[in-house]
Amino acid sequence: MSKKNKNKEVEEPQLEDTATATAETEQKEERSAEEQLQNQLVLEKDKFMRLFAEFENYKKRTTKERIELFKTASQDLMVSMLPVLDDFERALAHIEDDKEAEELRKGVLLIYNKLITTLEQKGLSKIEVRQGDTFNADDHEAITQIPAPSEDLKGKIIDVVEHGYKLGEKVIRFPKVVIGQ
């Protein structure tokens, strides 16, 4: 063999090795690019799912706030009507003492009951508090303390000065009470 032929034989395997190495490198690059795309796809899916969940939570929250707003939209009106209810109750208590004003008492009672019924239909409810109930600072507003008439009324409600009211589940006025000391 001549020198030229030997060089050709040597050159041919080198070319094959280079071609194989290049093909392997290209495959690795393609796999690497594919893996990068897969990773990027996973990240984008995760971002999408988080954004979707956040939007769903936003929709739920705004719906809940809207419902709550409708429930308490009339709160200002109800609060302004409470002194009128108090006046009716005082008038009824005063008229009951006067036996000559029986017809007047019936008329006032009729109007009072109609007003109470209308306000109850709109979600207003009276907070029931009775003499002898245990005082709770979270549920009652203490106006004053007086010496308890008996030992068992210490720390308990002696008198209710003003009734408390709720609008739906929200307390719009706490009952004002006198407690035993």
N, C-alpha and C. Protein backbone atom coordinates (compact mmCIF):
# COMPACT_ATOMS: atom_id res chain seq x y z
N MET A 1 0.82 -1.17 0.00
CA MET A 1 0.00 0.00 0.00
C MET A 1 0.86 1.23 0.00
N SER A 2 0.30 2.11 -0.69
CA SER A 2 1.05 3.35 -0.80
C SER A 2 0.73 4.24 0.38
N LYS A 3 1.48 5.26 0.46
CA LYS A 3 1.30 6.21 1.55
C LYS A 3 -0.05 6.88 1.45
N LYS A 4 -0.46 7.16 0.23
CA LYS A 4 -1.74 7.81 0.03
C LYS A 4 -2.88 6.94 0.52
N ASN A 5 -2.83 5.70 0.22
CA ASN A 5 -3.90 4.79 0.63
C ASN A 5 -3.95 4.65 2.15
N LYS A 6 -2.80 4.61 2.77
CA LYS A 6 -2.78 4.52 4.22
C LYS A 6 -3.44 5.73 4.84
N ASN A 7 -3.16 6.89 4.29
CA ASN A 7 -3.77 8.12 4.80
C ASN A 7 -5.28 8.09 4.63
N LYS A 8 -5.74 7.54 3.52
CA LYS A 8 -7.18 7.47 3.28
C LYS A 8 -7.84 6.56 4.29
N GLU A 9 -7.19 5.43 4.55
CA GLU A 9 -7.76 4.51 5.52
C GLU A 9 -7.81 5.15 6.89
N VAL A 10 -6.82 5.89 7.20
CA VAL A 10 -6.78 6.54 8.50
C VAL A 10 -7.82 7.65 8.54
N GLU A 11 -7.98 8.34 7.46
CA GLU A 11 -8.92 9.47 7.42
C GLU A 11 -10.35 8.99 7.47
N GLU A 12 -10.69 7.90 6.80
CA GLU A 12 -12.06 7.44 6.77
C GLU A 12 -12.60 7.09 8.16
N PRO A 13 -11.92 6.36 9.01
CA PRO A 13 -12.45 6.09 10.34
C PRO A 13 -12.60 7.36 11.15
N GLN A 14 -11.72 8.30 10.99
CA GLN A 14 -11.84 9.54 11.73
C GLN A 14 -13.12 10.28 11.33
N LEU A 15 -13.44 10.29 10.05
CA LEU A 15 -14.65 10.94 9.58
C LEU A 15 -15.88 10.26 10.15
N GLU A 16 -15.87 8.94 10.19
CA GLU A 16 -17.01 8.21 10.76
C GLU A 16 -17.15 8.53 12.24
N ASP A 17 -16.06 8.56 12.98
CA ASP A 17 -16.10 8.89 14.40
C ASP A 17 -16.63 10.31 14.60
N THR A 18 -16.20 11.22 13.78
CA THR A 18 -16.63 12.62 13.88
C THR A 18 -18.13 12.71 13.57
N ALA A 19 -18.58 12.01 12.55
CA ALA A 19 -20.00 12.02 12.18
C ALA A 19 -20.84 11.42 13.29
N THR A 20 -20.38 10.35 13.88
CA THR A 20 -21.11 9.71 14.98
C THR A 20 -21.16 10.64 16.18
N ALA A 21 -20.04 11.24 16.48
CA ALA A 21 -19.98 12.17 17.63
C ALA A 21 -20.89 13.36 17.38
N THR A 22 -20.90 13.87 16.16
CA THR A 22 -21.76 15.01 15.83
C THR A 22 -23.22 14.61 15.95
N ALA A 23 -23.56 13.43 15.48
CA ALA A 23 -24.95 12.96 15.57
C ALA A 23 -25.35 12.78 17.03
N GLU A 24 -24.46 12.22 17.83
CA GLU A 24 -24.77 12.06 19.26
C GLU A 24 -24.94 13.42 19.95
N THR A 25 -24.09 14.35 19.59
CA THR A 25 -24.17 15.69 20.17
C THR A 25 -25.50 16.34 19.78
N GLU A 26 -25.87 16.19 18.52
CA GLU A 26 -27.14 16.75 18.07
C GLU A 26 -28.31 16.10 18.80
N GLN A 27 -28.25 14.79 19.00
CA GLN A 27 -29.31 14.08 19.74
C GLN A 27 -29.38 14.57 21.18
N LYS A 28 -28.22 14.74 21.79
CA LYS A 28 -28.18 15.25 23.16
C LYS A 28 -28.77 16.65 23.23
N GLU A 29 -28.41 17.47 22.24
CA GLU A 29 -28.94 18.84 22.20
C GLU A 29 -30.44 18.82 22.00
N GLU A 30 -30.92 17.91 21.13
CA GLU A 30 -32.37 17.80 20.90
C GLU A 30 -33.06 17.34 22.17
N ARG A 31 -32.48 16.33 22.86
CA ARG A 31 -33.06 15.86 24.12
C ARG A 31 -33.04 16.98 25.16
N SER A 32 -31.94 17.69 25.20
CA SER A 32 -31.81 18.79 26.16
C SER A 32 -32.85 19.87 25.85
N ALA A 33 -33.01 20.19 24.58
CA ALA A 33 -34.00 21.20 24.18
C ALA A 33 -35.40 20.70 24.49
N GLU A 34 -35.65 19.42 24.25
CA GLU A 34 -36.96 18.82 24.54
C GLU A 34 -37.23 18.83 26.05
N GLU A 35 -36.21 18.49 26.84
CA GLU A 35 -36.36 18.53 28.29
C GLU A 35 -36.63 19.95 28.78
N GLN A 36 -35.94 20.90 28.20
CA GLN A 36 -36.18 22.30 28.57
C GLN A 36 -37.61 22.71 28.25
N LEU A 37 -38.07 22.30 27.07
CA LEU A 37 -39.45 22.61 26.69
C LEU A 37 -40.44 21.93 27.62
N GLN A 38 -40.15 20.68 27.99
CA GLN A 38 -41.03 19.97 28.93
C GLN A 38 -41.05 20.67 30.28
N ASN A 39 -39.89 21.06 30.76
CA ASN A 39 -39.82 21.79 32.03
C ASN A 39 -40.57 23.12 31.96
N GLN A 40 -40.38 23.80 30.84
CA GLN A 40 -41.07 25.08 30.65
C GLN A 40 -42.58 24.86 30.60
N LEU A 41 -43.00 23.79 29.94
CA LEU A 41 -44.43 23.46 29.88
C LEU A 41 -44.99 23.18 31.27
N VAL A 42 -44.25 22.43 32.08
CA VAL A 42 -44.68 22.12 33.45
C VAL A 42 -44.80 23.42 34.25
N LEU A 43 -43.82 24.30 34.13
CA LEU A 43 -43.87 25.58 34.84
C LEU A 43 -45.06 26.43 34.40
N GLU A 44 -45.31 26.47 33.11
CA GLU A 44 -46.44 27.26 32.60
C GLU A 44 -47.77 26.67 33.05
N LYS A 45 -47.87 25.33 33.07
CA LYS A 45 -49.10 24.69 33.57
C LYS A 45 -49.31 25.03 35.04
N ASP A 46 -48.24 24.99 35.82
CA ASP A 46 -48.31 25.32 37.24
C ASP A 46 -48.77 26.78 37.43
N LYS A 47 -48.17 27.67 36.64
CA LYS A 47 -48.58 29.09 36.71
C LYS A 47 -50.05 29.25 36.35
N PHE A 48 -50.47 28.55 35.32
CA PHE A 48 -51.87 28.63 34.90
C PHE A 48 -52.80 28.12 35.99
N MET A 49 -52.46 26.98 36.59
CA MET A 49 -53.31 26.40 37.63
C MET A 49 -53.40 27.33 38.84
N ARG A 50 -52.29 27.92 39.21
CA ARG A 50 -52.29 28.87 40.34
C ARG A 50 -53.15 30.09 40.02
N LEU A 51 -52.99 30.61 38.82
CA LEU A 51 -53.77 31.78 38.42
C LEU A 51 -55.25 31.44 38.35
N PHE A 52 -55.57 30.27 37.86
CA PHE A 52 -56.96 29.83 37.79
C PHE A 52 -57.55 29.68 39.19
N ALA A 53 -56.79 29.07 40.10
CA ALA A 53 -57.26 28.91 41.50
C ALA A 53 -57.44 30.26 42.16
N GLU A 54 -56.51 31.17 41.92
CA GLU A 54 -56.62 32.52 42.49
C GLU A 54 -57.87 33.23 41.95
N PHE A 55 -58.15 33.07 40.68
CA PHE A 55 -59.33 33.69 40.10
C PHE A 55 -60.61 33.09 40.68
N GLU A 56 -60.63 31.78 40.86
CA GLU A 56 -61.80 31.12 41.47
C GLU A 56 -62.02 31.63 42.89
N ASN A 57 -60.94 31.78 43.66
CA ASN A 57 -61.06 32.31 45.02
C ASN A 57 -61.57 33.75 44.98
N TYR A 58 -61.11 34.53 44.02
CA TYR A 58 -61.57 35.91 43.86
C TYR A 58 -63.08 35.94 43.57
N LYS A 59 -63.53 35.06 42.68
CA LYS A 59 -64.96 35.01 42.37
C LYS A 59 -65.78 34.64 43.59
N LYS A 60 -65.32 33.64 44.35
CA LYS A 60 -66.04 33.22 45.56
C LYS A 60 -66.09 34.36 46.58
N ARG A 61 -64.95 35.03 46.76
CA ARG A 61 -64.88 36.11 47.74
C ARG A 61 -65.80 37.26 47.35
N THR A 62 -65.79 37.67 46.09
CA THR A 62 -66.65 38.78 45.68
C THR A 62 -68.12 38.40 45.75
N THR A 63 -68.44 37.15 45.44
CA THR A 63 -69.83 36.70 45.56
C THR A 63 -70.28 36.74 47.01
N LYS A 64 -69.41 36.27 47.89
CA LYS A 64 -69.73 36.29 49.33
C LYS A 64 -69.89 37.73 49.82
N GLU A 65 -69.00 38.62 49.39
CA GLU A 65 -69.09 40.03 49.79
C GLU A 65 -70.38 40.66 49.27
N ARG A 66 -70.75 40.33 48.05
CA ARG A 66 -71.97 40.88 47.46
C ARG A 66 -73.20 40.41 48.23
N ILE A 67 -73.24 39.13 48.59
CA ILE A 67 -74.36 38.59 49.37
C ILE A 67 -74.42 39.28 50.73
N GLU A 68 -73.26 39.44 51.35
CA GLU A 68 -73.21 40.11 52.66
C GLU A 68 -73.67 41.57 52.54
N LEU A 69 -73.31 42.22 51.45
CA LEU A 69 -73.73 43.61 51.24
C LEU A 69 -75.24 43.69 51.10
N PHE A 70 -75.84 42.76 50.36
CA PHE A 70 -77.29 42.77 50.21
C PHE A 70 -77.98 42.51 51.54
N LYS A 71 -77.38 41.63 52.36
CA LYS A 71 -77.99 41.32 53.65
C LYS A 71 -77.97 42.53 54.57
N THR A 72 -76.90 43.31 54.52
CA THR A 72 -76.77 44.43 55.45
C THR A 72 -76.92 45.79 54.77
N ALA A 73 -77.45 45.81 53.56
CA ALA A 73 -77.59 47.08 52.84
C ALA A 73 -78.52 48.04 53.58
N SER A 74 -79.48 47.49 54.28
CA SER A 74 -80.45 48.34 54.98
C SER A 74 -80.03 48.62 56.42
N GLN A 75 -78.80 48.37 56.76
CA GLN A 75 -78.34 48.54 58.14
C GLN A 75 -78.51 49.98 58.62
N ASP A 76 -78.14 50.95 57.81
CA ASP A 76 -78.28 52.35 58.23
C ASP A 76 -79.73 52.70 58.54
N LEU A 77 -80.63 52.24 57.69
CA LEU A 77 -82.05 52.50 57.92
C LEU A 77 -82.52 51.82 59.19
N MET A 78 -82.10 50.58 59.40
CA MET A 78 -82.51 49.84 60.59
C MET A 78 -81.99 50.52 61.86
N VAL A 79 -80.75 50.95 61.84
CA VAL A 79 -80.16 51.62 63.01
C VAL A 79 -80.92 52.91 63.30
N SER A 80 -81.32 53.63 62.27
CA SER A 80 -82.06 54.87 62.50
C SER A 80 -83.50 54.61 62.97
N MET A 81 -84.02 53.40 62.72
CA MET A 81 -85.38 53.06 63.17
C MET A 81 -85.42 52.56 64.62
N LEU A 82 -84.29 52.16 65.16
CA LEU A 82 -84.27 51.61 66.52
C LEU A 82 -84.77 52.59 67.58
N PRO A 83 -84.41 53.88 67.53
CA PRO A 83 -84.98 54.81 68.51
C PRO A 83 -86.51 54.92 68.41
N VAL A 84 -87.05 54.76 67.21
CA VAL A 84 -88.51 54.79 67.05
C VAL A 84 -89.12 53.58 67.76
N LEU A 85 -88.49 52.41 67.60
CA LEU A 85 -88.98 51.22 68.31
C LEU A 85 -88.91 51.43 69.82
N ASP A 86 -87.82 52.03 70.29
CA ASP A 86 -87.68 52.30 71.73
C ASP A 86 -88.80 53.23 72.20
N ASP A 87 -89.11 54.26 71.41
CA ASP A 87 -90.18 55.19 71.79
C ASP A 87 -91.53 54.49 71.84
N PHE A 88 -91.77 53.61 70.88
CA PHE A 88 -93.02 52.84 70.90
C PHE A 88 -93.12 52.00 72.17
N GLU A 89 -92.02 51.34 72.53
CA GLU A 89 -92.02 50.49 73.73
C GLU A 89 -92.26 51.33 74.99
N ARG A 90 -91.64 52.51 75.06
CA ARG A 90 -91.88 53.38 76.22
C ARG A 90 -93.32 53.87 76.26
N ALA A 91 -93.85 54.22 75.09
CA ALA A 91 -95.24 54.68 75.03
C ALA A 91 -96.20 53.57 75.46
N LEU A 92 -95.94 52.37 74.98
CA LEU A 92 -96.81 51.25 75.37
C LEU A 92 -96.72 50.98 76.88
N ALA A 93 -95.52 51.08 77.44
CA ALA A 93 -95.37 50.86 78.89
C ALA A 93 -96.11 51.95 79.67
N HIS A 94 -96.09 53.17 79.19
CA HIS A 94 -96.76 54.28 79.87
C HIS A 94 -98.28 54.18 79.72
N ILE A 95 -98.74 53.80 78.53
CA ILE A 95 -100.18 53.71 78.28
C ILE A 95 -100.80 52.56 79.07
N GLU A 96 -100.05 51.48 79.30
CA GLU A 96 -100.60 50.35 80.06
C GLU A 96 -100.98 50.76 81.47
N ASP A 97 -100.30 51.75 82.03
CA ASP A 97 -100.61 52.22 83.38
C ASP A 97 -101.93 52.99 83.41
N ASP A 98 -102.28 53.62 82.30
CA ASP A 98 -103.48 54.46 82.23
C ASP A 98 -104.65 53.63 81.70
N LYS A 99 -105.60 53.31 82.56
CA LYS A 99 -106.74 52.46 82.17
C LYS A 99 -107.72 53.19 81.27
N GLU A 100 -107.73 54.51 81.30
CA GLU A 100 -108.67 55.28 80.47
C GLU A 100 -108.24 55.29 79.00
N ALA A 101 -106.99 55.04 78.73
CA ALA A 101 -106.47 55.12 77.36
C ALA A 101 -106.38 53.74 76.71
N GLU A 102 -107.32 52.87 76.99
CA GLU A 102 -107.30 51.51 76.46
C GLU A 102 -107.37 51.49 74.93
N GLU A 103 -108.22 52.31 74.35
CA GLU A 103 -108.34 52.35 72.89
C GLU A 103 -107.08 52.91 72.26
N LEU A 104 -106.49 53.90 72.89
CA LEU A 104 -105.23 54.46 72.40
C LEU A 104 -104.13 53.39 72.43
N ARG A 105 -104.08 52.62 73.51
CA ARG A 105 -103.09 51.55 73.65
C ARG A 105 -103.25 50.52 72.54
N LYS A 106 -104.48 50.15 72.22
CA LYS A 106 -104.72 49.17 71.15
C LYS A 106 -104.21 49.69 69.81
N GLY A 107 -104.47 50.97 69.53
CA GLY A 107 -104.02 51.56 68.26
C GLY A 107 -102.51 51.63 68.17
N VAL A 108 -101.86 52.06 69.26
CA VAL A 108 -100.40 52.14 69.28
C VAL A 108 -99.80 50.75 69.17
N LEU A 109 -100.38 49.78 69.86
CA LEU A 109 -99.90 48.40 69.81
C LEU A 109 -100.03 47.83 68.39
N LEU A 110 -101.12 48.15 67.72
CA LEU A 110 -101.32 47.69 66.34
C LEU A 110 -100.23 48.25 65.42
N ILE A 111 -99.95 49.55 65.54
CA ILE A 111 -98.92 50.17 64.70
C ILE A 111 -97.54 49.59 65.04
N TYR A 112 -97.26 49.43 66.33
CA TYR A 112 -95.98 48.88 66.78
C TYR A 112 -95.78 47.47 66.23
N ASN A 113 -96.80 46.63 66.33
CA ASN A 113 -96.69 45.25 65.82
C ASN A 113 -96.48 45.22 64.31
N LYS A 114 -97.14 46.11 63.60
CA LYS A 114 -96.97 46.17 62.15
C LYS A 114 -95.54 46.60 61.80
N LEU A 115 -95.02 47.58 62.53
CA LEU A 115 -93.65 48.03 62.30
C LEU A 115 -92.65 46.92 62.61
N ILE A 116 -92.84 46.24 63.72
CA ILE A 116 -91.95 45.14 64.11
C ILE A 116 -91.99 44.03 63.06
N THR A 117 -93.18 43.68 62.59
CA THR A 117 -93.33 42.62 61.58
C THR A 117 -92.60 42.99 60.29
N THR A 118 -92.76 44.23 59.87
CA THR A 118 -92.11 44.69 58.64
C THR A 118 -90.60 44.65 58.79
N LEU A 119 -90.08 45.11 59.91
CA LEU A 119 -88.63 45.10 60.11
C LEU A 119 -88.09 43.68 60.25
N GLU A 120 -88.86 42.79 60.86
CA GLU A 120 -88.43 41.40 60.97
C GLU A 120 -88.37 40.72 59.61
N GLN A 121 -89.28 41.10 58.71
CA GLN A 121 -89.25 40.55 57.35
C GLN A 121 -87.99 40.99 56.62
N LYS A 122 -87.45 42.12 57.00
CA LYS A 122 -86.22 42.64 56.38
C LYS A 122 -84.96 42.14 57.08
N GLY A 123 -85.13 41.25 58.09
CA GLY A 123 -83.98 40.63 58.72
C GLY A 123 -83.65 41.11 60.12
N LEU A 124 -84.41 42.03 60.67
CA LEU A 124 -84.15 42.53 62.02
C LEU A 124 -84.70 41.55 63.05
N SER A 125 -83.94 41.30 64.09
CA SER A 125 -84.43 40.44 65.18
C SER A 125 -83.94 41.01 66.50
N LYS A 126 -84.78 40.85 67.52
CA LYS A 126 -84.44 41.35 68.85
C LYS A 126 -83.56 40.32 69.56
N ILE A 127 -82.56 40.82 70.27
CA ILE A 127 -81.70 39.94 71.08
C ILE A 127 -82.40 39.78 72.42
N GLU A 128 -82.74 38.55 72.73
CA GLU A 128 -83.47 38.28 73.97
C GLU A 128 -82.54 38.30 75.17
N VAL A 129 -82.85 39.19 76.12
CA VAL A 129 -82.09 39.30 77.35
C VAL A 129 -83.11 39.43 78.48
N ARG A 130 -82.93 38.63 79.54
CA ARG A 130 -83.87 38.68 80.66
C ARG A 130 -83.13 38.98 81.95
N GLN A 131 -83.87 39.45 82.89
CA GLN A 131 -83.32 39.69 84.22
C GLN A 131 -82.85 38.36 84.79
N GLY A 132 -81.64 38.36 85.34
CA GLY A 132 -81.08 37.14 85.90
C GLY A 132 -80.12 36.42 84.97
N ASP A 133 -80.08 36.82 83.70
CA ASP A 133 -79.11 36.22 82.78
C ASP A 133 -77.69 36.63 83.20
N THR A 134 -76.73 35.79 82.92
CA THR A 134 -75.34 36.09 83.23
C THR A 134 -74.83 37.17 82.29
N PHE A 135 -74.13 38.16 82.85
CA PHE A 135 -73.58 39.24 82.04
C PHE A 135 -72.37 38.73 81.26
N ASN A 136 -72.33 39.07 79.98
CA ASN A 136 -71.20 38.72 79.12
C ASN A 136 -70.82 39.99 78.36
N ALA A 137 -69.61 40.46 78.56
CA ALA A 137 -69.16 41.72 77.94
C ALA A 137 -69.14 41.63 76.41
N ASP A 138 -69.07 40.43 75.86
CA ASP A 138 -69.09 40.28 74.41
C ASP A 138 -70.50 40.42 73.83
N ASP A 139 -71.51 40.16 74.65
CA ASP A 139 -72.89 40.17 74.17
C ASP A 139 -73.73 41.31 74.72
N HIS A 140 -73.27 41.97 75.76
CA HIS A 140 -74.06 43.02 76.41
C HIS A 140 -73.21 44.28 76.61
N GLU A 141 -73.90 45.40 76.72
CA GLU A 141 -73.23 46.66 77.05
C GLU A 141 -73.71 47.09 78.43
N ALA A 142 -72.81 47.12 79.40
CA ALA A 142 -73.18 47.48 80.77
C ALA A 142 -73.22 49.01 80.89
N ILE A 143 -74.35 49.51 81.33
CA ILE A 143 -74.50 50.96 81.51
C ILE A 143 -74.02 51.34 82.91
N THR A 144 -74.42 50.56 83.88
CA THR A 144 -74.03 50.84 85.26
C THR A 144 -74.09 49.56 86.08
N GLN A 145 -73.51 49.65 87.27
CA GLN A 145 -73.59 48.54 88.23
C GLN A 145 -74.28 49.07 89.48
N ILE A 146 -75.15 48.26 90.02
CA ILE A 146 -75.80 48.62 91.28
C ILE A 146 -75.62 47.47 92.25
N PRO A 147 -75.75 47.75 93.55
CA PRO A 147 -75.64 46.63 94.49
C PRO A 147 -76.73 45.61 94.20
N ALA A 148 -76.33 44.37 94.17
CA ALA A 148 -77.26 43.28 93.85
C ALA A 148 -78.26 43.11 95.00
N PRO A 149 -79.58 43.01 94.67
CA PRO A 149 -80.58 42.82 95.70
C PRO A 149 -80.40 41.50 96.46
N SER A 150 -79.81 40.51 95.80
CA SER A 150 -79.55 39.24 96.48
C SER A 150 -78.21 38.70 95.99
N GLU A 151 -77.66 37.76 96.74
CA GLU A 151 -76.35 37.20 96.44
C GLU A 151 -76.32 36.52 95.08
N ASP A 152 -77.40 35.87 94.69
CA ASP A 152 -77.42 35.11 93.43
C ASP A 152 -77.49 36.01 92.19
N LEU A 153 -77.70 37.33 92.35
CA LEU A 153 -77.74 38.25 91.21
C LEU A 153 -76.42 38.99 91.00
N LYS A 154 -75.38 38.65 91.76
CA LYS A 154 -74.07 39.28 91.56
C LYS A 154 -73.51 38.85 90.21
N GLY A 155 -73.10 39.85 89.40
CA GLY A 155 -72.55 39.57 88.07
C GLY A 155 -73.61 39.20 87.05
N LYS A 156 -74.86 39.35 87.44
CA LYS A 156 -75.97 39.01 86.53
C LYS A 156 -76.72 40.28 86.16
N ILE A 157 -77.56 40.16 85.16
CA ILE A 157 -78.33 41.30 84.66
C ILE A 157 -79.50 41.58 85.60
N ILE A 158 -79.58 42.85 86.06
CA ILE A 158 -80.66 43.27 86.94
C ILE A 158 -81.80 43.87 86.12
N ASP A 159 -81.44 44.70 85.11
CA ASP A 159 -82.45 45.37 84.31
C ASP A 159 -81.93 45.58 82.90
N VAL A 160 -82.85 45.60 81.92
CA VAL A 160 -82.51 45.88 80.52
C VAL A 160 -83.01 47.29 80.21
N VAL A 161 -82.07 48.20 79.93
CA VAL A 161 -82.42 49.59 79.65
C VAL A 161 -82.86 49.75 78.19
N GLU A 162 -82.09 49.18 77.26
CA GLU A 162 -82.43 49.20 75.84
C GLU A 162 -82.20 47.80 75.27
N HIS A 163 -83.13 47.36 74.46
CA HIS A 163 -83.00 46.05 73.83
C HIS A 163 -81.93 46.11 72.73
N GLY A 164 -81.30 44.97 72.50
CA GLY A 164 -80.33 44.86 71.42
C GLY A 164 -80.99 44.24 70.20
N TYR A 165 -80.40 44.51 69.03
CA TYR A 165 -80.97 44.00 67.79
C TYR A 165 -79.87 43.47 66.88
N LYS A 166 -80.26 42.48 66.07
CA LYS A 166 -79.40 41.91 65.05
C LYS A 166 -80.04 42.15 63.69
N LEU A 167 -79.20 42.33 62.71
CA LEU A 167 -79.64 42.37 61.32
C LEU A 167 -78.99 41.17 60.65
N GLY A 168 -79.80 40.14 60.42
CA GLY A 168 -79.24 38.86 59.96
C GLY A 168 -78.46 38.26 61.11
N GLU A 169 -77.18 38.03 60.91
CA GLU A 169 -76.32 37.50 61.97
C GLU A 169 -75.47 38.58 62.61
N LYS A 170 -75.54 39.80 62.11
CA LYS A 170 -74.70 40.89 62.59
C LYS A 170 -75.43 41.69 63.66
N VAL A 171 -74.77 41.91 64.79
CA VAL A 171 -75.35 42.71 65.86
C VAL A 171 -75.21 44.17 65.47
N ILE A 172 -76.35 44.88 65.41
CA ILE A 172 -76.29 46.30 65.07
C ILE A 172 -76.46 47.19 66.31
N ARG A 173 -76.97 46.61 67.39
CA ARG A 173 -76.98 47.32 68.67
C ARG A 173 -76.99 46.28 69.79
N PHE A 174 -76.02 46.42 70.69
CA PHE A 174 -75.95 45.51 71.83
C PHE A 174 -76.97 45.94 72.88
N PRO A 175 -77.53 44.98 73.62
CA PRO A 175 -78.47 45.34 74.68
C PRO A 175 -77.76 46.12 75.80
N LYS A 176 -78.36 47.19 76.24
CA LYS A 176 -77.78 48.01 77.32
C LYS A 176 -78.45 47.55 78.62
N VAL A 177 -77.59 47.11 79.56
CA VAL A 177 -78.10 46.49 80.77
C VAL A 177 -77.48 47.08 82.03
N VAL A 178 -78.16 46.84 83.16
CA VAL A 178 -77.65 47.18 84.48
C VAL A 178 -77.31 45.85 85.13
N ILE A 179 -76.11 45.78 85.72
CA ILE A 179 -75.68 44.52 86.33
C ILE A 179 -75.52 44.67 87.83
N GLY A 180 -75.64 43.55 88.52
CA GLY A 180 -75.49 43.52 89.97
C GLY A 180 -74.04 43.44 90.38
N GLN A 181 -73.73 44.15 91.47
CA GLN A 181 -72.35 44.21 91.92
C GLN A 181 -72.18 43.43 93.21
